[in-house]
Amino acid sequence: MNILITGAKGFIGKNLVIALENIRDGKDKTTALTDALNIFAFDVDTPADLLDGYCKHADAVVHLAGVNRPQNTEEFMQGNRDFTETLLATLKKYGNTCPVFVSSSTQAALDNPYGQSKKAGEDLLRAYAAGTGAKVVIYRFTNVFGKWCRPNYNSVVATFCHNIANDLPIQINDENILLKLIYVDDVVSELIRALCGNETVDGAFGVVSPVHEVTLGQLANLLYSFRDSRKTLSVPQLDDPFVKKLHATYLSYLPTDAFAYPLKMNCDVRGSFTEIIRTPERGQFSVNISKPGITKGNHWHNTKNEKFLVVAGKGVIRFRHPESDEVYSYFVSGENLEVVDIPTGYTHNIENLGDTDMVTFMWCNECFDPNKPDTYFLEV
């Protein structure tokens, strides 16, 4: 299957090309698009004469090329109408009536130079479909966000992500402005479905869902919370689809020299204890380092429960019911990864039996609260 993609180096184009390359190379086997793929990537710097051969041999066209931030308003028509006319004329030249999937914009319904140029392109496409019988699906995209979108250009999400990740100011004139956003991976998924012949259409237009609605103020607050999570150790509410997508997008804008961030290590002669992640509903995750011969713990909990995983070194985790003298021992080692549950109502400790530091990952069902520690000292 030969797929011509115009605007292949743009935001959506880059994401689509790489997704199709992954399918072509067998890295993504989750799609019904199983035919051998040839990707004809066309952009503004592609030699113009290549378009002729691409249009002759294309089995499908994804037309993403367009202009939205020109030097002058005349370029709107040149980029959005005139190039569409050239593309369709070249397909006609070879009698190629393959399907054409087109990115338009919700601005096409508005009376402004950009919207007028997108509407003019749509009109050409509808006339082409009527005259040739070719399938044409027009998508009026609203604000698309995701990785690789250029900041300080035409996406408020990209601009806010870039500025906040780089500790630069953002400008909000009205925090109550409602944004309607679609995620680039959802766009790509829909375009791949369309290439498989399973496009989603509602009335006259193709549809990408879901559409996420958020105010400008809510968007900024979420992004600031992502930035501050390095200090609070919090994790976003990732069961919310929009928050999950926005968080992934934000991370893609981190400066390349700021992927890592320090944690506070609570150190003493016994070793160290360091919190990694804190969540209000899923507890906290920490790493404990014990020196050789050191025993930590000797306490029990009412409701607080934990999971221990020794990943380096060797040791023993001991348990005793407060009303019994019997001790239960679990020998643990980084050579045999095994999670040990720490049930409530049992006093417990962990001892390093090796000659090197013992490293233990520890999960607790609740974050530590010094005002309500639910921790009671009792020797095992």
Protein backbone atom coordinates (compact mmCIF):
# COMPACT_ATOMS: atom_id res chain seq x y z
CA MET A 1 0.00 0.00 0.00
CA ASN A 2 1.46 3.34 -1.09
CA ILE A 3 0.46 6.19 1.21
CA LEU A 4 1.12 9.78 0.21
CA ILE A 5 1.35 12.14 3.18
CA THR A 6 1.52 15.86 2.50
CA GLY A 7 2.77 18.06 5.28
CA ALA A 8 4.80 15.07 6.43
CA LYS A 9 7.20 17.17 8.52
CA GLY A 10 4.47 19.07 10.34
CA PHE A 11 3.20 18.26 13.82
CA ILE A 12 0.53 15.73 12.84
CA GLY A 13 2.54 14.55 9.84
CA LYS A 14 5.60 13.59 11.91
CA ASN A 15 3.47 11.62 14.35
CA LEU A 16 1.62 9.84 11.53
CA VAL A 17 4.75 9.02 9.53
CA ILE A 18 6.49 7.49 12.54
CA ALA A 19 3.36 5.52 13.48
CA LEU A 20 3.17 4.12 9.94
CA GLU A 21 6.90 3.33 9.95
CA ASN A 22 6.40 1.36 13.16
CA ILE A 23 3.61 -0.60 11.49
CA ARG A 24 5.69 -1.12 8.34
CA ASP A 25 8.70 -2.33 10.34
CA GLY A 26 6.64 -4.72 12.47
CA LYS A 27 7.09 -2.74 15.69
CA ASP A 28 3.36 -2.10 16.00
CA LYS A 29 1.10 -5.07 15.34
CA THR A 30 -2.06 -3.66 16.88
CA THR A 31 -3.59 -2.33 13.66
CA ALA A 32 -5.50 -3.95 10.83
CA LEU A 33 -3.22 -2.11 8.38
CA THR A 34 -1.20 -5.20 7.52
CA ASP A 35 -0.32 -4.69 3.84
CA ALA A 36 3.28 -3.84 2.94
CA LEU A 37 3.61 -0.07 3.28
CA ASN A 38 5.44 2.49 1.22
CA ILE A 39 5.32 5.99 2.67
CA PHE A 40 5.56 8.90 0.24
CA ALA A 41 6.46 11.80 2.54
CA PHE A 42 5.93 15.19 0.90
CA ASP A 43 6.60 18.56 2.49
CA VAL A 44 7.47 22.10 1.53
CA ASP A 45 11.15 21.23 0.99
CA THR A 46 10.46 18.07 -1.04
CA PRO A 47 11.39 18.44 -4.74
CA ALA A 48 8.14 19.42 -6.44
CA ASP A 49 8.60 16.95 -9.29
CA LEU A 50 8.29 14.03 -6.86
CA LEU A 51 4.62 14.86 -6.32
CA ASP A 52 3.87 13.66 -9.83
CA GLY A 53 5.10 10.11 -9.21
CA TYR A 54 3.63 10.00 -5.73
CA CYS A 55 0.17 10.89 -7.05
CA LYS A 56 0.48 8.36 -9.87
CA HIS A 57 1.21 5.44 -7.55
CA ALA A 58 -0.60 6.39 -4.33
CA ASP A 59 -3.21 3.99 -2.95
CA ALA A 60 -4.31 6.62 -0.40
CA VAL A 61 -3.56 10.25 0.33
CA VAL A 62 -3.45 11.88 3.76
CA HIS A 63 -3.43 15.60 2.99
CA LEU A 64 -2.05 17.41 6.03
CA ALA A 65 -0.19 20.25 4.31
CA GLY A 66 -1.36 23.76 5.03
CA VAL A 67 -0.45 27.24 6.18
CA ASN A 68 -1.66 28.79 9.43
CA ARG A 69 0.99 31.38 10.37
CA PRO A 70 2.04 33.08 7.11
CA GLN A 71 4.08 36.22 6.55
CA ASN A 72 1.06 37.75 4.80
CA THR A 73 -2.58 36.80 4.39
CA GLU A 74 -2.18 35.95 0.69
CA GLU A 75 -0.20 32.88 1.71
CA PHE A 76 -3.30 31.39 3.34
CA MET A 77 -4.90 30.79 -0.06
CA GLN A 78 -1.62 29.66 -1.59
CA GLY A 79 -0.98 27.05 1.07
CA ASN A 80 -4.50 25.90 1.84
CA ARG A 81 -6.37 26.23 -1.43
CA ASP A 82 -3.86 26.41 -4.26
CA PHE A 83 -1.72 23.46 -3.17
CA THR A 84 -4.88 21.40 -2.66
CA GLU A 85 -5.84 22.26 -6.24
CA THR A 86 -2.40 21.16 -7.46
CA LEU A 87 -2.65 17.88 -5.53
CA LEU A 88 -6.08 17.04 -6.90
CA ALA A 89 -5.13 18.02 -10.45
CA THR A 90 -2.13 15.68 -10.29
CA LEU A 91 -4.30 12.80 -9.08
CA LYS A 92 -6.74 13.53 -11.92
CA LYS A 93 -3.89 13.55 -14.40
CA TYR A 94 -3.30 9.87 -13.73
CA GLY A 95 -6.93 8.95 -13.20
CA ASN A 96 -6.06 8.02 -9.64
CA THR A 97 -9.27 7.98 -7.60
CA CYS A 98 -7.71 6.65 -4.40
CA PRO A 99 -9.19 7.80 -1.06
CA VAL A 100 -8.12 11.24 0.19
CA PHE A 101 -8.20 12.06 3.90
CA VAL A 102 -7.83 15.73 4.66
CA SER A 103 -7.02 17.85 7.69
CA SER A 104 -9.11 20.99 7.69
CA SER A 105 -9.96 23.12 10.70
CA THR A 106 -12.94 24.24 12.74
CA GLN A 107 -11.85 27.71 11.58
CA ALA A 108 -13.34 26.82 8.17
CA ALA A 109 -16.71 27.77 9.62
CA LEU A 110 -15.46 31.28 10.49
CA ASP A 111 -15.13 34.38 8.35
CA ASN A 112 -11.42 35.11 8.63
CA PRO A 113 -8.57 34.76 6.10
CA TYR A 114 -7.40 31.42 7.50
CA GLY A 115 -10.91 30.03 7.75
CA GLN A 116 -11.79 31.23 4.26
CA SER A 117 -8.73 29.49 2.80
CA LYS A 118 -9.54 26.22 4.58
CA LYS A 119 -13.16 26.43 3.41
CA ALA A 120 -11.97 27.06 -0.16
CA GLY A 121 -9.84 23.93 0.06
CA GLU A 122 -12.82 21.95 1.33
CA ASP A 123 -14.95 23.16 -1.57
CA LEU A 124 -12.35 21.94 -4.06
CA LEU A 125 -12.26 18.54 -2.36
CA ARG A 126 -16.04 18.14 -2.40
CA ALA A 127 -16.16 19.07 -6.09
CA TYR A 128 -13.36 16.59 -6.77
CA ALA A 129 -15.22 13.82 -4.96
CA ALA A 130 -18.41 14.58 -6.83
CA GLY A 131 -16.66 14.68 -10.19
CA THR A 132 -14.44 11.60 -9.84
CA GLY A 133 -16.30 9.38 -7.40
CA ALA A 134 -13.23 9.25 -5.16
CA LYS A 135 -13.73 8.89 -1.43
CA VAL A 136 -12.85 12.15 0.33
CA VAL A 137 -13.05 12.48 4.10
CA ILE A 138 -12.57 15.95 5.57
CA TYR A 139 -11.59 16.28 9.23
CA ARG A 140 -12.16 19.65 10.84
CA PHE A 141 -9.61 19.40 13.61
CA THR A 142 -9.92 21.53 16.68
CA ASN A 143 -6.83 22.27 18.81
CA VAL A 144 -4.48 19.28 18.51
CA PHE A 145 -1.90 18.76 21.25
CA GLY A 146 0.86 16.28 21.95
CA LYS A 147 4.58 15.66 21.56
CA TRP A 148 6.57 17.48 18.87
CA CYS A 149 4.18 20.42 18.54
CA ARG A 150 6.04 23.69 18.08
CA PRO A 151 5.74 26.09 21.06
CA ASN A 152 5.07 29.80 20.67
CA TYR A 153 3.47 29.16 17.30
CA ASN A 154 -0.22 28.28 17.20
CA SER A 155 -0.79 25.87 20.12
CA VAL A 156 -1.46 27.18 23.60
CA VAL A 157 -0.79 23.72 25.04
CA ALA A 158 2.64 23.55 23.40
CA THR A 159 3.48 27.09 24.48
CA PHE A 160 2.37 26.56 28.08
CA CYS A 161 4.18 23.21 28.30
CA HIS A 162 7.40 24.68 26.94
CA ASN A 163 7.32 27.80 29.08
CA ILE A 164 6.38 26.10 32.33
CA ALA A 165 8.91 23.29 31.82
CA ASN A 166 11.57 25.94 31.23
CA ASP A 167 10.49 28.21 34.12
CA LEU A 168 9.32 30.91 31.73
CA PRO A 169 6.20 33.04 32.31
CA ILE A 170 2.89 32.36 30.57
CA GLN A 171 0.22 34.89 29.71
CA ILE A 172 -3.45 34.35 30.54
CA ASN A 173 -5.89 37.13 29.70
CA ASP A 174 -9.03 35.19 30.60
CA GLU A 175 -8.64 31.98 32.59
CA ASN A 176 -12.29 31.03 31.87
CA ILE A 177 -11.79 30.61 28.12
CA LEU A 178 -12.92 27.08 27.23
CA LEU A 179 -10.58 25.03 25.07
CA LYS A 180 -11.61 22.01 23.01
CA LEU A 181 -8.60 19.77 22.55
CA ILE A 182 -7.83 16.53 20.73
CA TYR A 183 -4.73 14.44 21.33
CA VAL A 184 -2.37 13.79 18.45
CA ASP A 185 -2.27 10.03 19.12
CA ASP A 186 -6.07 9.96 18.83
CA VAL A 187 -5.77 11.83 15.52
CA VAL A 188 -3.18 9.36 14.26
CA SER A 189 -5.29 6.39 15.38
CA GLU A 190 -8.29 7.75 13.48
CA LEU A 191 -6.23 8.37 10.32
CA ILE A 192 -4.89 4.81 10.46
CA ARG A 193 -8.44 3.50 10.87
CA ALA A 194 -9.39 5.58 7.85
CA LEU A 195 -6.55 4.05 5.83
CA CYS A 196 -8.01 0.66 6.79
CA GLY A 197 -11.41 1.78 5.47
CA ASN A 198 -12.92 2.24 8.94
CA GLU A 199 -13.03 6.00 9.23
CA THR A 200 -15.35 7.64 11.76
CA VAL A 201 -17.78 10.00 10.06
CA ASP A 202 -20.55 12.16 11.46
CA GLY A 203 -22.52 13.95 8.80
CA ALA A 204 -20.24 15.68 6.32
CA PHE A 205 -17.03 15.37 8.31
CA GLY A 206 -14.66 12.85 9.75
CA VAL A 207 -14.52 12.70 13.52
CA VAL A 208 -11.68 12.36 16.01
CA SER A 209 -12.66 11.57 19.55
CA PRO A 210 -12.56 12.15 22.40
CA VAL A 211 -12.65 15.93 22.50
CA HIS A 212 -11.35 17.17 25.85
CA GLU A 213 -12.77 20.40 27.26
CA VAL A 214 -10.73 22.42 29.75
CA THR A 215 -10.49 26.07 30.66
CA LEU A 216 -7.30 28.01 30.16
CA GLY A 217 -6.94 28.37 33.92
CA GLN A 218 -7.41 24.64 34.50
CA LEU A 219 -4.84 23.88 31.82
CA ALA A 220 -2.26 26.14 33.47
CA ASN A 221 -2.96 24.75 36.94
CA LEU A 222 -2.49 21.18 35.74
CA LEU A 223 0.79 22.01 34.05
CA TYR A 224 2.11 23.81 37.13
CA SER A 225 1.17 20.77 39.22
CA PHE A 226 3.20 18.58 36.87
CA ARG A 227 6.17 20.88 37.30
CA ASP A 228 5.81 20.97 41.08
CA SER A 229 5.46 17.19 41.32
CA ARG A 230 9.23 16.91 41.39
CA LYS A 231 9.12 18.59 44.78
CA THR A 232 5.87 17.16 46.13
CA LEU A 233 6.66 13.69 44.70
CA SER A 234 3.02 13.53 43.65
CA VAL A 235 1.73 11.60 40.64
CA PRO A 236 -1.05 13.04 38.46
CA GLN A 237 -4.49 11.46 38.40
CA LEU A 238 -3.60 9.20 35.50
CA ASP A 239 -6.97 7.42 35.45
CA ASP A 240 -8.28 10.65 33.90
CA PRO A 241 -7.61 10.24 30.13
CA PHE A 242 -6.99 13.95 29.55
CA VAL A 243 -4.62 14.31 32.50
CA LYS A 244 -2.69 11.25 31.31
CA LYS A 245 -2.32 12.68 27.80
CA LEU A 246 -1.44 16.18 29.02
CA HIS A 247 1.16 14.84 31.46
CA ALA A 248 2.80 12.81 28.69
CA THR A 249 2.80 15.92 26.51
CA TYR A 250 4.33 18.09 29.25
CA LEU A 251 7.20 15.64 29.80
CA SER A 252 8.13 15.86 26.11
CA TYR A 253 8.94 19.57 26.63
CA LEU A 254 11.40 19.08 29.48
CA PRO A 255 14.80 20.66 28.74
CA THR A 256 17.30 18.00 27.71
CA ASP A 257 19.52 18.89 30.66
CA ALA A 258 16.65 18.56 33.16
CA PHE A 259 15.34 15.03 32.75
CA ALA A 260 16.75 14.11 36.19
CA TYR A 261 15.87 15.66 39.54
CA PRO A 262 17.23 15.05 43.05
CA LEU A 263 15.43 13.35 45.93
CA LYS A 264 15.83 14.00 49.64
CA MET A 265 17.80 11.13 51.18
CA ASN A 266 17.18 10.69 54.90
CA CYS A 267 20.56 9.31 55.98
CA ASP A 268 22.01 8.03 59.24
CA VAL A 269 24.61 5.44 60.30
CA ARG A 270 22.17 2.64 59.44
CA GLY A 271 21.81 3.68 55.80
CA SER A 272 19.14 5.81 54.16
CA PHE A 273 15.43 6.07 53.41
CA THR A 274 14.21 8.03 50.38
CA GLU A 275 10.68 8.72 49.19
CA ILE A 276 10.23 8.52 45.42
CA ILE A 277 6.48 8.90 44.77
CA ARG A 278 3.52 10.03 46.87
CA THR A 279 -0.13 9.69 45.85
CA PRO A 280 -3.29 10.45 47.87
CA GLU A 281 -5.10 7.30 46.73
CA ARG A 282 -2.30 4.80 45.98
CA GLY A 283 0.12 5.46 48.84
CA GLN A 284 3.85 6.08 48.55
CA PHE A 285 6.86 4.35 47.03
CA SER A 286 10.31 4.56 48.62
CA VAL A 287 13.76 3.00 48.56
CA ASN A 288 15.50 1.85 51.74
CA ILE A 289 19.24 1.19 51.97
CA SER A 290 20.53 -0.79 54.97
CA LYS A 291 24.19 -1.18 55.92
CA PRO A 292 25.55 -4.69 56.67
CA GLY A 293 24.33 -6.05 59.99
CA ILE A 294 21.70 -3.34 60.41
CA THR A 295 18.13 -4.14 61.48
CA LYS A 296 15.33 -1.67 60.77
CA GLY A 297 11.70 -1.72 61.80
CA ASN A 298 10.51 -3.47 64.96
CA HIS A 299 7.07 -1.92 64.79
CA TRP A 300 3.53 -2.77 63.70
CA HIS A 301 0.55 -0.98 62.16
CA ASN A 302 -3.23 -0.97 62.53
CA THR A 303 -4.25 -0.08 58.98
CA LYS A 304 -1.02 0.86 57.23
CA ASN A 305 0.33 -2.01 55.13
CA GLU A 306 3.41 -2.36 52.98
CA LYS A 307 5.16 -4.41 50.33
CA PHE A 308 8.94 -4.98 50.46
CA LEU A 309 11.12 -6.00 47.52
CA VAL A 310 14.85 -6.49 48.07
CA VAL A 311 16.61 -5.74 44.77
CA ALA A 312 20.25 -5.84 45.93
CA GLY A 313 21.99 -7.63 48.78
CA LYS A 314 20.47 -10.25 51.04
CA GLY A 315 18.57 -10.21 54.30
CA VAL A 316 15.66 -11.50 56.32
CA ILE A 317 12.23 -10.07 57.09
CA ARG A 318 10.82 -11.28 60.39
CA PHE A 319 7.23 -11.19 61.72
CA ARG A 320 5.62 -11.83 65.09
CA HIS A 321 2.05 -11.51 66.25
CA PRO A 322 1.96 -9.34 69.42
CA GLU A 323 0.14 -12.13 71.30
CA SER A 324 2.62 -14.86 70.31
CA ASP A 325 6.32 -15.67 70.71
CA GLU A 326 6.53 -17.42 67.37
CA VAL A 327 8.66 -15.62 64.75
CA TYR A 328 8.17 -16.10 61.02
CA SER A 329 11.22 -15.44 58.83
CA TYR A 330 11.38 -14.72 55.09
CA PHE A 331 14.86 -14.72 53.58
CA VAL A 332 15.17 -12.28 50.71
CA SER A 333 17.79 -11.49 48.09
CA GLY A 334 18.37 -9.37 45.02
CA GLU A 335 19.20 -12.60 43.20
CA ASN A 336 15.67 -13.93 43.66
CA LEU A 337 13.16 -11.11 43.42
CA GLU A 338 10.17 -11.76 45.65
CA VAL A 339 7.62 -9.32 47.05
CA VAL A 340 6.87 -9.74 50.75
CA ASP A 341 3.57 -8.38 52.07
CA ILE A 342 3.73 -6.69 55.47
CA PRO A 343 0.31 -7.45 56.99
CA THR A 344 -1.30 -5.27 59.62
CA GLY A 345 -1.16 -6.47 63.20
CA TYR A 346 2.28 -8.10 62.93
CA THR A 347 5.39 -6.45 64.31
CA HIS A 348 8.17 -6.78 61.77
CA ASN A 349 11.76 -5.92 61.00
CA ILE A 350 14.24 -6.30 58.16
CA GLU A 351 17.91 -7.19 58.72
CA ASN A 352 20.81 -7.01 56.28
CA LEU A 353 22.59 -10.39 56.42
CA GLY A 354 25.13 -9.60 53.72
CA ASP A 355 28.49 -7.83 53.44
CA THR A 356 27.18 -5.08 51.15
CA ASP A 357 24.38 -2.55 51.29
CA MET A 358 20.91 -4.06 50.98
CA VAL A 359 18.52 -2.11 48.77
CA THR A 360 14.78 -2.53 49.34
CA PHE A 361 11.93 -1.01 47.37
CA MET A 362 9.06 -0.29 49.73
CA TRP A 363 5.44 0.49 48.88
CA CYS A 364 3.03 1.67 51.56
CA ASN A 365 -0.71 2.01 51.09
CA GLU A 366 -0.71 5.51 52.58
CA CYS A 367 1.69 8.42 52.65
CA PHE A 368 3.49 9.02 55.92
CA ASP A 369 1.68 11.50 58.16
CA PRO A 370 3.73 12.54 61.23
CA ASN A 371 0.50 13.54 63.00
CA LYS A 372 -0.96 10.07 62.48
CA PRO A 373 1.92 7.65 61.85
CA ASP A 374 0.02 4.43 62.76
CA THR A 375 3.40 2.98 63.78
CA TYR A 376 3.94 1.30 67.18
CA PHE A 377 7.33 0.14 68.39
CA LEU A 378 7.55 -3.53 69.44
CA GLU A 379 10.59 -5.80 69.18
CA VAL A 380 10.07 -8.82 66.98
